[in-house]
Amino acid sequence: MGIDPGITRCGIGVVEVDPSRRAHLVHVSVARTGTALATHFRLRTIADAIDAAISTFHPEVVAIERVFAQENLQSVTTTMQVMGAAMVCTGRAGLPMAVHTPSEVKAAVTGSGTAGKAQVQHMVARVLGLAEIPRPADAADALAIAICHAWRGTGLLGSRDDSEVSVSLSGKVSARGELTPAQRAWVDAQAAQRRTGAVDPRLHRG
């Protein structure tokens, strides 16, 4: 199950991937909250939606997109609060949880860590064999996160040996065994971003 955290719209997507790596849509929805509600009530609404999805679809693992610093501090704060709510829901269900960066998701789904949102959404529809792109964008993003984890299987929290590939903050690559083309695309995108400081937008300021 993939979660695209957001306080106004939180995408929730569930996919099933067979041994041949073919992905199938199981469920997609967006939990919405209004600005008239206090933040803790908005978080409760989102948590209830995540709990319901876990209870209904019984995912093996929950994956969530990592939040990076942005210009709008308030937006970052509430998004991280949604991440916390999602983590509580996942922990309460006793499920493993993974965290993926936006570039990891883009690289896994499109082959490029710098792909635009439209390209990611198009590839999500193509990978899942859908006639139309899931709307709104939060729905497609949640499915992309789910697909990313199903294909990569990395980023699990609380485990030292959870992945075959890792990229340090300086861009150094460590891998066990030979990389697949998809892994190589992800590694190259991650390493390039971390070497140039793109992992933190604040580093680009002059």
C-alpha atoms as a PDB file:
ATOM      1  CA  MET A   1       0.000   0.000   0.000  1.00  0.00           C
ATOM      2  CA  GLY A   2       1.330   3.433  -0.942  1.00  0.00           C
ATOM      3  CA  ILE A   3       0.516   6.673   0.863  1.00  0.00           C
ATOM      4  CA  ASP A   4       1.049  10.145  -0.573  1.00  0.00           C
ATOM      5  CA  PRO A   5       0.853  12.291   2.593  1.00  0.00           C
ATOM      6  CA  GLY A   6      -1.049  15.556   2.548  1.00  0.00           C
ATOM      7  CA  ILE A   7      -3.319  17.294   5.041  1.00  0.00           C
ATOM      8  CA  THR A   8      -5.907  18.429   2.448  1.00  0.00           C
ATOM      9  CA  ARG A   9      -5.650  15.372   0.193  1.00  0.00           C
ATOM     10  CA  CYS A  10      -3.908  12.154   1.234  1.00  0.00           C
ATOM     11  CA  GLY A  11      -3.595   9.565  -1.515  1.00  0.00           C
ATOM     12  CA  ILE A  12      -3.993   5.888  -0.639  1.00  0.00           C
ATOM     13  CA  GLY A  13      -3.183   3.259  -3.262  1.00  0.00           C
ATOM     14  CA  VAL A  14      -3.053  -0.524  -3.103  1.00  0.00           C
ATOM     15  CA  VAL A  15      -1.463  -2.684  -5.801  1.00  0.00           C
ATOM     16  CA  GLU A  16      -0.776  -6.377  -6.184  1.00  0.00           C
ATOM     17  CA  VAL A  17       2.413  -7.463  -7.926  1.00  0.00           C
ATOM     18  CA  ASP A  18       2.909 -11.007  -9.179  1.00  0.00           C
ATOM     19  CA  PRO A  19       6.261 -12.860  -9.361  1.00  0.00           C
ATOM     20  CA  SER A  20       6.817 -11.581 -12.915  1.00  0.00           C
ATOM     21  CA  ARG A  21       6.598  -7.980 -11.563  1.00  0.00           C
ATOM     22  CA  ARG A  22       3.283  -7.272 -13.274  1.00  0.00           C
ATOM     23  CA  ALA A  23       1.315  -4.799 -11.183  1.00  0.00           C
ATOM     24  CA  HIS A  24      -2.468  -4.744 -10.817  1.00  0.00           C
ATOM     25  CA  LEU A  25      -4.698  -2.101  -9.288  1.00  0.00           C
ATOM     26  CA  VAL A  26      -6.501  -3.208  -6.136  1.00  0.00           C
ATOM     27  CA  HIS A  27      -7.722   0.093  -4.707  1.00  0.00           C
ATOM     28  CA  VAL A  28      -7.128   3.820  -4.903  1.00  0.00           C
ATOM     29  CA  SER A  29      -8.727   6.646  -2.960  1.00  0.00           C
ATOM     30  CA  VAL A  30      -8.027  10.096  -1.563  1.00  0.00           C
ATOM     31  CA  ALA A  31      -8.783  11.067   2.031  1.00  0.00           C
ATOM     32  CA  ARG A  32      -9.886  14.710   2.032  1.00  0.00           C
ATOM     33  CA  THR A  33     -10.146  17.189   4.881  1.00  0.00           C
ATOM     34  CA  GLY A  34     -11.390  20.769   5.004  1.00  0.00           C
ATOM     35  CA  THR A  35      -9.545  23.779   6.358  1.00  0.00           C
ATOM     36  CA  ALA A  36     -12.433  24.565   8.703  1.00  0.00           C
ATOM     37  CA  LEU A  37     -11.409  21.621  10.886  1.00  0.00           C
ATOM     38  CA  ALA A  38      -8.683  21.856  13.515  1.00  0.00           C
ATOM     39  CA  THR A  39      -5.505  20.007  12.530  1.00  0.00           C
ATOM     40  CA  HIS A  40      -5.948  17.176  15.024  1.00  0.00           C
ATOM     41  CA  PHE A  41      -9.415  16.448  13.669  1.00  0.00           C
ATOM     42  CA  ARG A  42      -8.068  16.496  10.100  1.00  0.00           C
ATOM     43  CA  LEU A  43      -5.373  14.023  11.109  1.00  0.00           C
ATOM     44  CA  ARG A  44      -7.991  11.813  12.719  1.00  0.00           C
ATOM     45  CA  THR A  45      -9.991  11.761   9.475  1.00  0.00           C
ATOM     46  CA  ILE A  46      -6.927  10.745   7.480  1.00  0.00           C
ATOM     47  CA  ALA A  47      -5.904   8.130  10.030  1.00  0.00           C
ATOM     48  CA  ASP A  48      -9.393   6.647   9.924  1.00  0.00           C
ATOM     49  CA  ALA A  49      -9.142   6.337   6.124  1.00  0.00           C
ATOM     50  CA  ILE A  50      -5.740   4.650   6.352  1.00  0.00           C
ATOM     51  CA  ASP A  51      -6.991   2.286   9.060  1.00  0.00           C
ATOM     52  CA  ALA A  52      -9.982   1.386   6.888  1.00  0.00           C
ATOM     53  CA  ALA A  53      -7.790   0.649   3.865  1.00  0.00           C
ATOM     54  CA  ILE A  54      -5.461  -1.543   5.922  1.00  0.00           C
ATOM     55  CA  SER A  55      -8.394  -3.397   7.469  1.00  0.00           C
ATOM     56  CA  THR A  56     -10.105  -3.934   4.113  1.00  0.00           C
ATOM     57  CA  PHE A  57      -7.197  -4.819   1.831  1.00  0.00           C
ATOM     58  CA  HIS A  58      -4.662  -6.369   4.250  1.00  0.00           C
ATOM     59  CA  PRO A  59      -1.460  -5.063   2.620  1.00  0.00           C
ATOM     60  CA  GLU A  60       1.821  -6.843   3.296  1.00  0.00           C
ATOM     61  CA  VAL A  61       3.711  -3.560   3.654  1.00  0.00           C
ATOM     62  CA  VAL A  62       2.952   0.161   3.697  1.00  0.00           C
ATOM     63  CA  ALA A  63       5.151   2.612   1.773  1.00  0.00           C
ATOM     64  CA  ILE A  64       5.065   6.373   2.213  1.00  0.00           C
ATOM     65  CA  GLU A  65       6.764   9.233   0.412  1.00  0.00           C
ATOM     66  CA  ARG A  66       9.421  11.085   2.377  1.00  0.00           C
ATOM     67  CA  VAL A  67       8.946  14.813   2.887  1.00  0.00           C
ATOM     68  CA  PHE A  68      11.787  17.237   2.143  1.00  0.00           C
ATOM     69  CA  ALA A  69      12.182  20.887   3.052  1.00  0.00           C
ATOM     70  CA  GLN A  70      10.086  23.270   0.991  1.00  0.00           C
ATOM     71  CA  GLU A  71       9.560  27.017   0.891  1.00  0.00           C
ATOM     72  CA  ASN A  72       6.222  26.704   2.704  1.00  0.00           C
ATOM     73  CA  LEU A  73       7.123  25.661   6.252  1.00  0.00           C
ATOM     74  CA  GLN A  74       3.475  25.260   7.265  1.00  0.00           C
ATOM     75  CA  SER A  75       2.890  22.823   4.396  1.00  0.00           C
ATOM     76  CA  VAL A  76       5.937  20.772   5.393  1.00  0.00           C
ATOM     77  CA  THR A  77       4.829  20.697   9.021  1.00  0.00           C
ATOM     78  CA  THR A  78       1.323  19.419   8.318  1.00  0.00           C
ATOM     79  CA  THR A  79       2.594  16.917   5.751  1.00  0.00           C
ATOM     80  CA  MET A  80       5.019  15.503   8.305  1.00  0.00           C
ATOM     81  CA  GLN A  81       2.161  15.290  10.779  1.00  0.00           C
ATOM     82  CA  VAL A  82       0.270  13.180   8.243  1.00  0.00           C
ATOM     83  CA  MET A  83       3.368  10.992   7.893  1.00  0.00           C
ATOM     84  CA  GLY A  84       3.319  10.513  11.651  1.00  0.00           C
ATOM     85  CA  ALA A  85      -0.348   9.560  11.595  1.00  0.00           C
ATOM     86  CA  ALA A  86       0.334   7.055   8.809  1.00  0.00           C
ATOM     87  CA  MET A  87       3.202   5.560  10.796  1.00  0.00           C
ATOM     88  CA  VAL A  88       0.966   5.133  13.833  1.00  0.00           C
ATOM     89  CA  CYS A  89      -1.684   3.400  11.722  1.00  0.00           C
ATOM     90  CA  THR A  90       0.934   1.091  10.214  1.00  0.00           C
ATOM     91  CA  GLY A  91       2.542   0.317  13.545  1.00  0.00           C
ATOM     92  CA  ARG A  92      -0.823  -0.323  15.174  1.00  0.00           C
ATOM     93  CA  ALA A  93      -1.572  -2.840  12.420  1.00  0.00           C
ATOM     94  CA  GLY A  94       1.773  -4.546  13.021  1.00  0.00           C
ATOM     95  CA  LEU A  95       2.925  -4.009   9.433  1.00  0.00           C
ATOM     96  CA  PRO A  96       6.395  -3.216   8.084  1.00  0.00           C
ATOM     97  CA  MET A  97       6.750   0.286   6.675  1.00  0.00           C
ATOM     98  CA  ALA A  98       9.028   1.742   4.008  1.00  0.00           C
ATOM     99  CA  VAL A  99       9.889   5.338   3.173  1.00  0.00           C
ATOM    100  CA  HIS A 100      10.862   6.470  -0.326  1.00  0.00           C
ATOM    101  CA  THR A 101      12.080   9.799  -1.657  1.00  0.00           C
ATOM    102  CA  PRO A 102      10.287  11.448  -4.603  1.00  0.00           C
ATOM    103  CA  SER A 103      13.285  10.757  -6.843  1.00  0.00           C
ATOM    104  CA  GLU A 104      13.247   7.069  -5.895  1.00  0.00           C
ATOM    105  CA  VAL A 105       9.595   6.842  -6.866  1.00  0.00           C
ATOM    106  CA  LYS A 106      10.130   8.671 -10.156  1.00  0.00           C
ATOM    107  CA  ALA A 107      13.137   6.526 -11.066  1.00  0.00           C
ATOM    108  CA  ALA A 108      11.339   3.273 -10.238  1.00  0.00           C
ATOM    109  CA  VAL A 109       8.247   4.110 -12.271  1.00  0.00           C
ATOM    110  CA  THR A 110       9.693   6.066 -15.213  1.00  0.00           C
ATOM    111  CA  GLY A 111      13.411   5.272 -15.209  1.00  0.00           C
ATOM    112  CA  SER A 112      14.302   8.907 -14.504  1.00  0.00           C
ATOM    113  CA  GLY A 113      14.667  10.479 -11.077  1.00  0.00           C
ATOM    114  CA  THR A 114      13.842  13.891 -12.529  1.00  0.00           C
ATOM    115  CA  ALA A 115      10.638  12.953 -14.369  1.00  0.00           C
ATOM    116  CA  GLY A 116       7.717  15.372 -14.178  1.00  0.00           C
ATOM    117  CA  LYS A 117       4.411  14.647 -12.483  1.00  0.00           C
ATOM    118  CA  ALA A 118       2.615  14.159 -15.793  1.00  0.00           C
ATOM    119  CA  GLN A 119       5.130  11.512 -16.877  1.00  0.00           C
ATOM    120  CA  VAL A 120       4.806   9.676 -13.571  1.00  0.00           C
ATOM    121  CA  GLN A 121       1.010   9.709 -13.792  1.00  0.00           C
ATOM    122  CA  HIS A 122       1.095   8.452 -17.380  1.00  0.00           C
ATOM    123  CA  MET A 123       3.427   5.605 -16.454  1.00  0.00           C
ATOM    124  CA  VAL A 124       1.276   4.630 -13.463  1.00  0.00           C
ATOM    125  CA  ALA A 125      -1.714   4.229 -15.790  1.00  0.00           C
ATOM    126  CA  ARG A 126       0.415   2.292 -18.286  1.00  0.00           C
ATOM    127  CA  VAL A 127       1.964  -0.013 -15.680  1.00  0.00           C
ATOM    128  CA  LEU A 128      -1.442  -0.820 -14.176  1.00  0.00           C
ATOM    129  CA  GLY A 129      -3.158  -1.145 -17.571  1.00  0.00           C
ATOM    130  CA  LEU A 130      -5.646   1.636 -16.844  1.00  0.00           C
ATOM    131  CA  ALA A 131      -7.603   3.400 -19.566  1.00  0.00           C
ATOM    132  CA  GLU A 132      -7.318   6.726 -17.731  1.00  0.00           C
ATOM    133  CA  ILE A 133      -4.851   8.372 -15.386  1.00  0.00           C
ATOM    134  CA  PRO A 134      -6.069   8.169 -11.761  1.00  0.00           C
ATOM    135  CA  ARG A 135      -7.330  11.533 -10.517  1.00  0.00           C
ATOM    136  CA  PRO A 136      -6.541  13.639  -8.618  1.00  0.00           C
ATOM    137  CA  ALA A 137      -2.751  13.632  -8.773  1.00  0.00           C
ATOM    138  CA  ASP A 138      -2.554  12.450  -5.152  1.00  0.00           C
ATOM    139  CA  ALA A 139      -4.204   9.162  -6.188  1.00  0.00           C
ATOM    140  CA  ALA A 140      -1.683   8.519  -8.960  1.00  0.00           C
ATOM    141  CA  ASP A 141       1.179   9.474  -6.638  1.00  0.00           C
ATOM    142  CA  ALA A 142       0.041   6.972  -4.000  1.00  0.00           C
ATOM    143  CA  LEU A 143      -0.056   4.222  -6.613  1.00  0.00           C
ATOM    144  CA  ALA A 144       3.409   5.225  -7.845  1.00  0.00           C
ATOM    145  CA  ILE A 145       4.751   4.891  -4.296  1.00  0.00           C
ATOM    146  CA  ALA A 146       3.167   1.448  -3.971  1.00  0.00           C
ATOM    147  CA  ILE A 147       4.604   0.343  -7.321  1.00  0.00           C
ATOM    148  CA  CYS A 148       8.027   1.716  -6.373  1.00  0.00           C
ATOM    149  CA  HIS A 149       8.180  -0.353  -3.221  1.00  0.00           C
ATOM    150  CA  ALA A 150       6.751  -3.484  -4.827  1.00  0.00           C
ATOM    151  CA  TRP A 151       9.437  -3.343  -7.506  1.00  0.00           C
ATOM    152  CA  ARG A 152      12.344  -2.232  -5.331  1.00  0.00           C
ATOM    153  CA  GLY A 153      11.594  -3.621  -1.871  1.00  0.00           C
ATOM    154  CA  THR A 154      13.992  -1.169  -0.241  1.00  0.00           C
ATOM    155  CA  GLY A 155      13.638   1.478   2.428  1.00  0.00           C
ATOM    156  CA  LEU A 156      12.109  -0.631   5.184  1.00  0.00           C
ATOM    157  CA  LEU A 157      12.304   1.083   8.550  1.00  0.00           C
ATOM    158  CA  GLY A 158      13.890  -0.677  11.498  1.00  0.00           C
ATOM    159  CA  SER A 159      15.948  -3.121   9.458  1.00  0.00           C
ATOM    160  CA  ARG A 160      19.681  -2.948   8.759  1.00  0.00           C
ATOM    161  CA  ASP A 161      19.598  -5.545   5.981  1.00  0.00           C
ATOM    162  CA  ASP A 162      16.413  -4.495   4.216  1.00  0.00           C
ATOM    163  CA  SER A 163      17.806  -3.745   0.784  1.00  0.00           C
ATOM    164  CA  GLU A 164      20.308  -4.831  -1.834  1.00  0.00           C
ATOM    165  CA  VAL A 165      21.197  -1.267  -2.824  1.00  0.00           C
ATOM    166  CA  SER A 166      21.929   1.883  -0.840  1.00  0.00           C
ATOM    167  CA  VAL A 167      23.086   5.393  -1.704  1.00  0.00           C
ATOM    168  CA  SER A 168      24.865   7.499   0.920  1.00  0.00           C
ATOM    169  CA  LEU A 169      24.223  11.212   1.442  1.00  0.00           C
ATOM    170  CA  SER A 170      27.416  11.923  -0.512  1.00  0.00           C
ATOM    171  CA  GLY A 171      26.244   9.843  -3.478  1.00  0.00           C
ATOM    172  CA  LYS A 172      28.353   6.731  -2.832  1.00  0.00           C
ATOM    173  CA  VAL A 173      26.668   3.541  -4.070  1.00  0.00           C
ATOM    174  CA  SER A 174      26.785   0.236  -2.203  1.00  0.00           C
ATOM    175  CA  ALA A 175      25.237  -2.889  -3.720  1.00  0.00           C
ATOM    176  CA  ARG A 176      25.093  -6.598  -3.057  1.00  0.00           C
ATOM    177  CA  GLY A 177      25.332  -8.450  -6.324  1.00  0.00           C
ATOM    178  CA  GLU A 178      24.649  -7.263  -9.873  1.00  0.00           C
ATOM    179  CA  LEU A 179      22.097  -4.492 -10.344  1.00  0.00           C
ATOM    180  CA  THR A 180      19.058  -4.863 -12.579  1.00  0.00           C
ATOM    181  CA  PRO A 181      18.401  -2.085 -15.163  1.00  0.00           C
ATOM    182  CA  ALA A 182      15.656  -0.674 -12.912  1.00  0.00           C
ATOM    183  CA  GLN A 183      17.973  -0.663  -9.902  1.00  0.00           C
ATOM    184  CA  ARG A 184      20.739   0.986 -11.915  1.00  0.00           C
ATOM    185  CA  ALA A 185      18.370   3.761 -13.077  1.00  0.00           C
ATOM    186  CA  TRP A 186      17.290   4.370  -9.489  1.00  0.00           C
ATOM    187  CA  VAL A 187      20.855   4.344  -8.166  1.00  0.00           C
ATOM    188  CA  ASP A 188      22.083   6.768 -10.847  1.00  0.00           C
ATOM    189  CA  ALA A 189      19.209   9.178 -10.156  1.00  0.00           C
ATOM    190  CA  GLN A 190      19.742   9.043  -6.393  1.00  0.00           C
ATOM    191  CA  ALA A 191      23.511   9.430  -6.603  1.00  0.00           C
ATOM    192  CA  ALA A 192      23.283  12.391  -8.991  1.00  0.00           C
ATOM    193  CA  GLN A 193      20.778  14.194  -6.799  1.00  0.00           C
ATOM    194  CA  ARG A 194      22.766  13.679  -3.629  1.00  0.00           C
ATOM    195  CA  ARG A 195      26.057  14.729  -5.227  1.00  0.00           C
ATOM    196  CA  THR A 196      24.508  18.008  -6.436  1.00  0.00           C
ATOM    197  CA  GLY A 197      22.583  18.695  -3.228  1.00  0.00           C
ATOM    198  CA  ALA A 198      19.168  18.256  -4.864  1.00  0.00           C
ATOM    199  CA  VAL A 199      18.103  16.143  -1.910  1.00  0.00           C
ATOM    200  CA  ASP A 200      17.643  19.409  -0.019  1.00  0.00           C
ATOM    201  CA  PRO A 201      16.328  22.369  -2.054  1.00  0.00           C
ATOM    202  CA  ARG A 202      17.874  24.809   0.441  1.00  0.00           C
ATOM    203  CA  LEU A 203      21.332  23.893  -0.854  1.00  0.00           C
ATOM    204  CA  HIS A 204      20.530  25.457  -4.249  1.00  0.00           C
ATOM    205  CA  ARG A 205      20.067  28.956  -2.889  1.00  0.00           C
ATOM    206  CA  GLY A 206      22.698  31.442  -3.927  1.00  0.00           C
END
